[in-house]
Amino acid sequence: MSEQFRELLKKVGSGEHTHKNLTREEAAIATKMMLVQEATPAQIGAFMISHRIKRPTPVELAGMLDAYDELGPQLQLLPNNEKKVVVFGVPYDGRSRTAPVNVITALILAVFGVPAIMHGGDCMPTKYGVPLIDIWRGLGLDFSQLSLAKAGELLEKTGFGFFYIPNHFKLANDLVTYREQIGKRPPAATVELVWSPYPESQIHLMAGYVHPPTEARFRETFNLRGITDFTLVKGLEGSCDLHRSHTNIVAINNPKVPEGFEYLKIDPHDYGLAGKDVALESTSWLVSALEEILQGKPSELRKNVILNGGFCLWRFGVCGDISEGLVKAEEAIATGKVDEKRAEIKEFLLTSNK
């Protein structure tokens, strides 16, 4: 048993009226001791559930991210890259109710020269939703065999990279079993939404959230960490995907206003794309639906792709407004450019695995 960890556990787990928040340094120490499992399984489980009940502060989140940066590897910097890399913060335990389209959004960005990175692992608790890696596999792109160096090379050559946690950050992946045992998402699941496997000074972080306090907590954490470019979406199931069923609330950085950020309201009705959020029937159904979109076939889910792709093309500087972005996204799909990007990535994977 670690006596040092025991004292940190006592601080966060002492109850509603007597608990104390950790300093940034203490949060980093506690996180490192869990990642390397210097703390015992009982201590790790107790810390996770206690910290969840207390709720991590921005200072604690900053410290946890410090630990992830210290122990977690990163993809190599792109040479001579003028645009910041978009890093998608998507819940690792996936989606289970609505159909995700963020993989196509990432391809659309890559088509227009905006590099994008996704990260995650296999199917995991507590939601056990469809993970990103399974969607990509269904589309013929298996990133699970890439070394870290090859993942960086993929990003450099195609504009898209995937950081596969079980291979590239095993210390973090080894903590997944605790999620199943405690039956709740630990604070590490929050950290994963705003952690980057690429140097933070060179990224634009796009993360999803569900509860408004989480968005405020993220912004305060960014201030502590020096993250200046961000897009926070109150999206479908806590993802970055915009709703079609109602107006979307999006927080973006804006150095021109005193607060340093502003809220956008993205209403699908304004663009003729309003409708029900498409239900996720199964992974096989989702893959087939995304495949049809890549082949240029019309569908309700394609409207989700256009909305998200168009918004991101505007947000990341490809065009002057969202309407223009919607046109560009639709054209990229209709002309086969998005599917060509997938083929380019697939060719890289085939060559790398020989």
Protein backbone atom coordinates (compact mmCIF):
# COMPACT_ATOMS: atom_id res chain seq x y z
CA MET A 1 0.00 0.00 0.00
CA SER A 2 1.19 3.52 -0.85
CA GLU A 3 1.06 5.78 2.19
CA GLN A 4 1.46 8.85 -0.04
CA PHE A 5 -1.52 7.86 -2.17
CA ARG A 6 -3.51 7.04 0.97
CA GLU A 7 -3.15 10.65 2.14
CA LEU A 8 -4.31 11.97 -1.24
CA LEU A 9 -7.25 9.58 -1.18
CA LYS A 10 -8.21 10.81 2.29
CA LYS A 11 -8.39 14.38 0.99
CA VAL A 12 -10.85 13.68 -1.87
CA GLY A 13 -12.80 10.93 -0.09
CA SER A 14 -13.56 12.44 3.29
CA GLY A 15 -17.17 13.32 2.59
CA GLU A 16 -19.27 16.25 1.41
CA HIS A 17 -18.31 18.67 4.17
CA THR A 18 -14.77 17.62 5.04
CA HIS A 19 -13.15 16.74 1.69
CA LYS A 20 -10.44 18.96 0.26
CA ASN A 21 -9.51 19.65 -3.33
CA LEU A 22 -6.09 18.57 -4.51
CA THR A 23 -3.50 21.00 -5.74
CA ARG A 24 -2.38 20.67 -9.34
CA GLU A 25 0.81 18.94 -8.21
CA GLU A 26 -1.11 16.54 -5.95
CA ALA A 27 -3.54 15.66 -8.75
CA ALA A 28 -0.62 14.93 -11.06
CA ILE A 29 1.06 12.74 -8.43
CA ALA A 30 -2.14 10.80 -7.76
CA THR A 31 -2.76 10.28 -11.48
CA LYS A 32 0.80 9.07 -12.09
CA MET A 33 0.54 6.64 -9.18
CA MET A 34 -2.64 5.21 -10.68
CA LEU A 35 -1.24 5.01 -14.20
CA VAL A 36 1.86 3.11 -13.10
CA GLN A 37 -0.30 1.26 -10.51
CA GLU A 38 1.95 2.15 -7.64
CA ALA A 39 -1.31 2.58 -5.76
CA THR A 40 -3.09 -0.67 -4.91
CA PRO A 41 -6.24 -1.78 -6.78
CA ALA A 42 -8.34 -0.97 -3.70
CA GLN A 43 -6.83 2.52 -3.52
CA ILE A 44 -7.32 3.15 -7.24
CA GLY A 45 -10.96 2.08 -7.17
CA ALA A 46 -11.66 4.12 -4.05
CA PHE A 47 -10.00 7.20 -5.53
CA MET A 48 -11.91 6.93 -8.80
CA ILE A 49 -15.33 6.72 -7.19
CA SER A 50 -14.53 9.33 -4.51
CA HIS A 51 -13.19 11.77 -7.08
CA ARG A 52 -16.25 11.23 -9.27
CA ILE A 53 -18.59 11.98 -6.37
CA LYS A 54 -16.61 15.09 -5.39
CA ARG A 55 -16.19 16.17 -9.05
CA PRO A 56 -12.71 17.21 -10.22
CA THR A 57 -11.88 20.90 -10.20
CA PRO A 58 -10.19 22.62 -13.18
CA VAL A 59 -6.96 22.70 -11.14
CA GLU A 60 -7.19 18.95 -10.58
CA LEU A 61 -7.98 18.31 -14.25
CA ALA A 62 -4.93 20.35 -15.21
CA GLY A 63 -2.80 18.22 -12.89
CA MET A 64 -4.23 14.99 -14.30
CA LEU A 65 -3.44 16.22 -17.81
CA ASP A 66 0.10 17.03 -16.64
CA ALA A 67 0.49 13.38 -15.66
CA TYR A 68 -0.91 12.16 -18.97
CA ASP A 69 1.55 14.39 -20.80
CA GLU A 70 4.46 13.13 -18.73
CA LEU A 71 3.72 9.42 -19.14
CA GLY A 72 1.85 9.30 -22.45
CA PRO A 73 3.61 9.33 -25.83
CA GLN A 74 2.71 11.80 -28.56
CA LEU A 75 2.58 11.78 -32.33
CA GLN A 76 5.47 13.53 -34.01
CA LEU A 77 5.10 17.16 -35.04
CA LEU A 78 4.14 17.76 -38.65
CA PRO A 79 6.92 19.48 -40.59
CA ASN A 80 6.11 22.96 -41.93
CA ASN A 81 2.45 22.72 -40.95
CA GLU A 82 0.73 26.11 -41.10
CA LYS A 83 -2.65 24.94 -39.75
CA LYS A 84 -3.27 23.72 -36.26
CA VAL A 85 -4.16 20.05 -35.96
CA VAL A 86 -7.77 19.38 -34.99
CA VAL A 87 -7.94 16.87 -32.13
CA PHE A 88 -11.35 15.28 -31.59
CA GLY A 89 -12.31 14.62 -27.97
CA VAL A 90 -14.87 11.81 -28.22
CA PRO A 91 -16.01 9.61 -25.30
CA TYR A 92 -13.99 6.40 -25.35
CA ASP A 93 -17.01 4.31 -24.38
CA GLY A 94 -18.72 5.31 -27.60
CA ARG A 95 -22.27 5.98 -28.68
CA SER A 96 -25.23 3.66 -28.15
CA ARG A 97 -28.35 5.65 -29.11
CA THR A 98 -27.53 7.92 -32.05
CA ALA A 99 -25.50 7.33 -35.21
CA PRO A 100 -22.04 8.97 -35.12
CA VAL A 101 -20.71 10.68 -38.24
CA ASN A 102 -17.51 12.22 -36.85
CA VAL A 103 -15.31 9.77 -38.76
CA ILE A 104 -16.61 11.25 -42.03
CA THR A 105 -16.15 14.76 -40.63
CA ALA A 106 -12.48 13.95 -40.04
CA LEU A 107 -12.11 12.72 -43.64
CA ILE A 108 -13.75 15.89 -44.96
CA LEU A 109 -11.28 18.03 -43.01
CA ALA A 110 -8.36 16.01 -44.37
CA VAL A 111 -9.66 16.50 -47.93
CA PHE A 112 -9.42 20.27 -47.45
CA GLY A 113 -5.97 20.20 -45.91
CA VAL A 114 -6.97 20.47 -42.25
CA PRO A 115 -5.07 17.73 -40.35
CA ALA A 116 -7.18 15.81 -37.83
CA ILE A 117 -6.48 13.30 -35.08
CA MET A 118 -8.80 10.90 -33.31
CA HIS A 119 -7.91 8.76 -30.30
CA GLY A 120 -9.55 5.96 -28.36
CA GLY A 121 -9.56 2.27 -27.59
CA ASP A 122 -11.77 -0.77 -27.86
CA CYS A 123 -15.33 -1.24 -26.60
CA MET A 124 -15.28 -0.24 -22.95
CA PRO A 125 -17.45 0.48 -19.92
CA THR A 126 -19.62 2.03 -18.83
CA LYS A 127 -21.70 2.63 -21.94
CA TYR A 128 -20.17 -0.13 -24.10
CA GLY A 129 -21.10 1.91 -27.16
CA VAL A 130 -19.55 1.51 -30.58
CA PRO A 131 -15.93 2.72 -30.38
CA LEU A 132 -14.27 4.73 -33.13
CA ILE A 133 -11.84 1.92 -33.94
CA ASP A 134 -14.71 -0.43 -34.84
CA ILE A 135 -16.32 2.11 -37.16
CA TRP A 136 -13.03 2.63 -38.96
CA ARG A 137 -12.49 -1.13 -39.21
CA GLY A 138 -15.93 -1.49 -40.75
CA LEU A 139 -14.93 1.07 -43.36
CA GLY A 140 -11.82 -0.96 -44.19
CA LEU A 141 -9.33 1.04 -42.13
CA ASP A 142 -7.74 -0.83 -39.24
CA PHE A 143 -5.43 1.43 -37.25
CA SER A 144 -4.83 -1.04 -34.44
CA GLN A 145 -1.63 -2.46 -35.94
CA LEU A 146 0.15 0.84 -36.50
CA SER A 147 3.20 1.68 -34.43
CA LEU A 148 3.35 5.16 -32.94
CA ALA A 149 5.86 6.20 -35.59
CA LYS A 150 3.65 4.89 -38.39
CA ALA A 151 0.63 6.66 -36.90
CA GLY A 152 2.60 9.89 -37.08
CA GLU A 153 3.65 9.13 -40.64
CA LEU A 154 0.02 8.48 -41.54
CA LEU A 155 -0.91 11.92 -40.22
CA GLU A 156 1.88 13.55 -42.17
CA LYS A 157 1.08 11.85 -45.48
CA THR A 158 -2.74 11.81 -45.43
CA GLY A 159 -3.80 14.52 -42.99
CA PHE A 160 -5.45 12.03 -40.65
CA GLY A 161 -4.05 10.19 -37.66
CA PHE A 162 -5.44 7.71 -35.16
CA PHE A 163 -3.89 7.21 -31.73
CA TYR A 164 -4.90 3.73 -30.54
CA ILE A 165 -4.76 3.66 -26.74
CA PRO A 166 -4.16 -0.10 -26.24
CA ASN A 167 -0.98 0.11 -28.34
CA HIS A 168 0.24 3.64 -27.83
CA PHE A 169 -0.67 4.42 -24.20
CA LYS A 170 -0.94 1.08 -22.43
CA LEU A 171 -0.71 2.65 -18.97
CA ALA A 172 -3.99 4.48 -19.55
CA ASN A 173 -5.61 1.47 -21.17
CA ASP A 174 -4.74 -0.72 -18.17
CA LEU A 175 -7.04 1.41 -16.02
CA VAL A 176 -10.09 0.53 -18.14
CA THR A 177 -10.84 -2.55 -16.04
CA TYR A 178 -11.52 -0.32 -13.03
CA ARG A 179 -14.36 1.39 -14.92
CA GLU A 180 -16.13 -1.91 -15.20
CA GLN A 181 -15.57 -2.76 -11.57
CA ILE A 182 -16.84 0.55 -10.16
CA GLY A 183 -19.67 0.79 -12.70
CA LYS A 184 -19.25 4.53 -13.27
CA ARG A 185 -17.18 6.76 -15.50
CA PRO A 186 -14.18 7.96 -13.46
CA PRO A 187 -12.71 11.46 -13.85
CA ALA A 188 -10.20 9.93 -16.27
CA ALA A 189 -13.09 9.71 -18.76
CA THR A 190 -13.37 13.50 -18.51
CA VAL A 191 -9.63 13.91 -18.96
CA GLU A 192 -9.73 11.85 -22.16
CA LEU A 193 -12.07 14.37 -23.79
CA VAL A 194 -9.53 17.19 -23.47
CA TRP A 195 -6.26 15.26 -23.57
CA SER A 196 -4.22 15.46 -26.74
CA PRO A 197 -1.76 12.91 -28.18
CA TYR A 198 -0.22 15.84 -30.05
CA PRO A 199 1.55 18.91 -28.55
CA GLU A 200 -1.12 21.24 -27.17
CA SER A 201 0.49 24.40 -28.53
CA GLN A 202 -0.16 23.10 -32.04
CA ILE A 203 -3.78 21.94 -31.74
CA HIS A 204 -7.33 23.09 -32.03
CA LEU A 205 -9.22 20.98 -29.52
CA MET A 206 -12.78 19.98 -30.42
CA ALA A 207 -14.55 18.20 -27.58
CA GLY A 208 -18.09 17.23 -26.71
CA TYR A 209 -19.92 17.56 -23.42
CA VAL A 210 -23.36 16.90 -21.92
CA HIS A 211 -23.71 19.06 -18.80
CA PRO A 212 -23.10 22.85 -18.92
CA PRO A 213 -20.84 22.80 -15.81
CA THR A 214 -18.49 20.50 -17.73
CA GLU A 215 -18.07 23.09 -20.47
CA ALA A 216 -17.17 25.80 -17.94
CA ARG A 217 -14.78 23.39 -16.21
CA PHE A 218 -13.08 22.68 -19.53
CA ARG A 219 -12.58 26.36 -20.28
CA GLU A 220 -11.01 26.99 -16.88
CA THR A 221 -8.73 23.99 -17.40
CA PHE A 222 -7.69 25.35 -20.78
CA ASN A 223 -6.74 28.65 -19.17
CA LEU A 224 -4.49 26.81 -16.74
CA ARG A 225 -2.97 24.68 -19.48
CA GLY A 226 -2.51 27.45 -22.04
CA ILE A 227 -4.85 25.93 -24.64
CA THR A 228 -6.00 28.84 -26.77
CA ASP A 229 -7.97 27.26 -29.61
CA PHE A 230 -11.03 25.21 -28.76
CA THR A 231 -14.53 24.26 -29.88
CA LEU A 232 -16.82 22.71 -27.26
CA VAL A 233 -20.02 21.14 -28.56
CA LYS A 234 -23.04 20.18 -26.47
CA GLY A 235 -23.36 17.33 -28.91
CA LEU A 236 -25.06 13.99 -29.38
CA GLU A 237 -24.34 11.77 -26.36
CA GLY A 238 -21.50 14.03 -25.30
CA SER A 239 -19.75 13.83 -28.67
CA CYS A 240 -18.70 16.54 -31.11
CA ASP A 241 -21.58 15.69 -33.48
CA LEU A 242 -24.18 18.43 -33.85
CA HIS A 243 -27.87 17.69 -33.34
CA ARG A 244 -30.35 18.04 -36.18
CA SER A 245 -33.32 17.92 -33.82
CA HIS A 246 -32.70 21.27 -32.12
CA THR A 247 -30.43 24.30 -31.89
CA ASN A 248 -26.85 23.46 -30.94
CA ILE A 249 -24.88 25.31 -28.28
CA VAL A 250 -21.18 25.61 -29.11
CA ALA A 251 -18.52 27.42 -27.06
CA ILE A 252 -15.56 28.73 -29.05
CA ASN A 253 -12.48 30.75 -28.15
CA ASN A 254 -12.64 34.40 -29.15
CA PRO A 255 -9.71 36.63 -28.10
CA LYS A 256 -11.62 39.71 -29.31
CA VAL A 257 -14.05 39.67 -26.39
CA PRO A 258 -13.15 40.24 -22.71
CA GLU A 259 -14.30 36.79 -21.66
CA GLY A 260 -12.03 35.14 -24.22
CA PHE A 261 -14.85 32.96 -25.53
CA GLU A 262 -18.36 33.14 -26.93
CA TYR A 263 -21.36 30.90 -27.46
CA LEU A 264 -22.70 30.08 -30.89
CA LYS A 265 -26.20 28.84 -31.62
CA ILE A 266 -26.22 26.57 -34.66
CA ASP A 267 -29.80 25.94 -35.78
CA PRO A 268 -30.20 23.22 -38.46
CA HIS A 269 -33.46 24.89 -39.54
CA ASP A 270 -31.42 27.82 -40.86
CA TYR A 271 -29.76 25.53 -43.39
CA GLY A 272 -32.65 23.27 -44.34
CA LEU A 273 -31.13 20.36 -42.42
CA ALA A 274 -33.47 20.02 -39.45
CA GLY A 275 -34.83 16.58 -38.64
CA LYS A 276 -34.70 13.75 -36.17
CA ASP A 277 -31.33 12.61 -34.89
CA VAL A 278 -30.75 9.29 -36.63
CA ALA A 279 -30.91 6.30 -34.28
CA LEU A 280 -28.02 3.84 -34.08
CA GLU A 281 -29.49 0.46 -35.01
CA SER A 282 -26.27 -1.57 -34.87
CA THR A 283 -22.61 -1.29 -35.77
CA SER A 284 -23.13 -3.21 -39.01
CA TRP A 285 -26.04 -0.93 -39.93
CA LEU A 286 -23.93 2.16 -39.18
CA VAL A 287 -21.05 0.96 -41.33
CA SER A 288 -23.41 0.25 -44.23
CA ALA A 289 -25.04 3.68 -43.84
CA LEU A 290 -21.65 5.46 -43.81
CA GLU A 291 -20.51 3.40 -46.79
CA GLU A 292 -23.54 4.56 -48.77
CA ILE A 293 -22.71 8.16 -47.91
CA LEU A 294 -19.14 7.71 -49.11
CA GLN A 295 -20.55 6.33 -52.36
CA GLY A 296 -22.61 9.49 -52.80
CA LYS A 297 -26.05 8.03 -52.03
CA PRO A 298 -28.67 10.25 -50.36
CA SER A 299 -29.97 9.46 -46.88
CA GLU A 300 -31.08 11.10 -43.65
CA LEU A 301 -27.68 10.35 -42.11
CA ARG A 302 -25.98 12.12 -45.00
CA LYS A 303 -27.66 15.32 -43.80
CA ASN A 304 -25.90 14.87 -40.46
CA VAL A 305 -22.61 14.54 -42.33
CA ILE A 306 -23.24 17.71 -44.35
CA LEU A 307 -24.20 19.70 -41.24
CA ASN A 308 -21.16 18.62 -39.25
CA GLY A 309 -18.75 18.77 -42.16
CA GLY A 310 -19.93 22.21 -43.21
CA PHE A 311 -19.73 23.60 -39.70
CA CYS A 312 -16.19 22.27 -39.24
CA LEU A 313 -14.99 23.58 -42.60
CA TRP A 314 -16.12 27.04 -41.52
CA ARG A 315 -14.84 26.71 -37.96
CA PHE A 316 -11.38 25.58 -39.04
CA GLY A 317 -10.90 28.30 -41.62
CA VAL A 318 -11.58 26.62 -44.95
CA CYS A 319 -14.43 28.98 -45.86
CA GLY A 320 -16.02 32.25 -44.79
CA ASP A 321 -19.35 31.03 -43.43
CA ILE A 322 -21.24 27.85 -42.59
CA SER A 323 -23.41 27.96 -45.71
CA GLU A 324 -20.32 27.86 -47.91
CA GLY A 325 -18.97 25.04 -45.77
CA LEU A 326 -22.13 23.00 -46.31
CA VAL A 327 -21.74 23.38 -50.07
CA LYS A 328 -18.10 22.34 -49.96
CA ALA A 329 -18.83 19.32 -47.75
CA GLU A 330 -21.61 18.14 -50.05
CA GLU A 331 -19.47 18.61 -53.14
CA ALA A 332 -16.57 16.70 -51.58
CA ILE A 333 -18.87 13.74 -50.96
CA ALA A 334 -20.70 13.93 -54.30
CA THR A 335 -17.49 14.13 -56.34
CA GLY A 336 -15.91 11.18 -54.50
CA LYS A 337 -13.10 13.21 -52.91
CA VAL A 338 -13.95 12.00 -49.41
CA ASP A 339 -13.92 8.39 -50.55
CA GLU A 340 -10.63 9.02 -52.33
CA LYS A 341 -9.19 10.21 -49.01
CA ARG A 342 -10.32 6.96 -47.43
CA ALA A 343 -8.63 5.03 -50.26
CA GLU A 344 -5.43 7.01 -49.71
CA ILE A 345 -5.42 6.11 -46.03
CA LYS A 346 -6.20 2.47 -46.85
CA GLU A 347 -3.27 2.30 -49.24
CA PHE A 348 -0.96 3.63 -46.55
CA LEU A 349 -2.20 1.00 -44.10
CA LEU A 350 -1.73 -1.80 -46.64
CA THR A 351 1.81 -0.68 -47.37
CA SER A 352 2.66 -0.26 -43.69
CA ASN A 353 1.44 -3.71 -42.74
CA LYS A 354 3.52 -5.55 -45.35
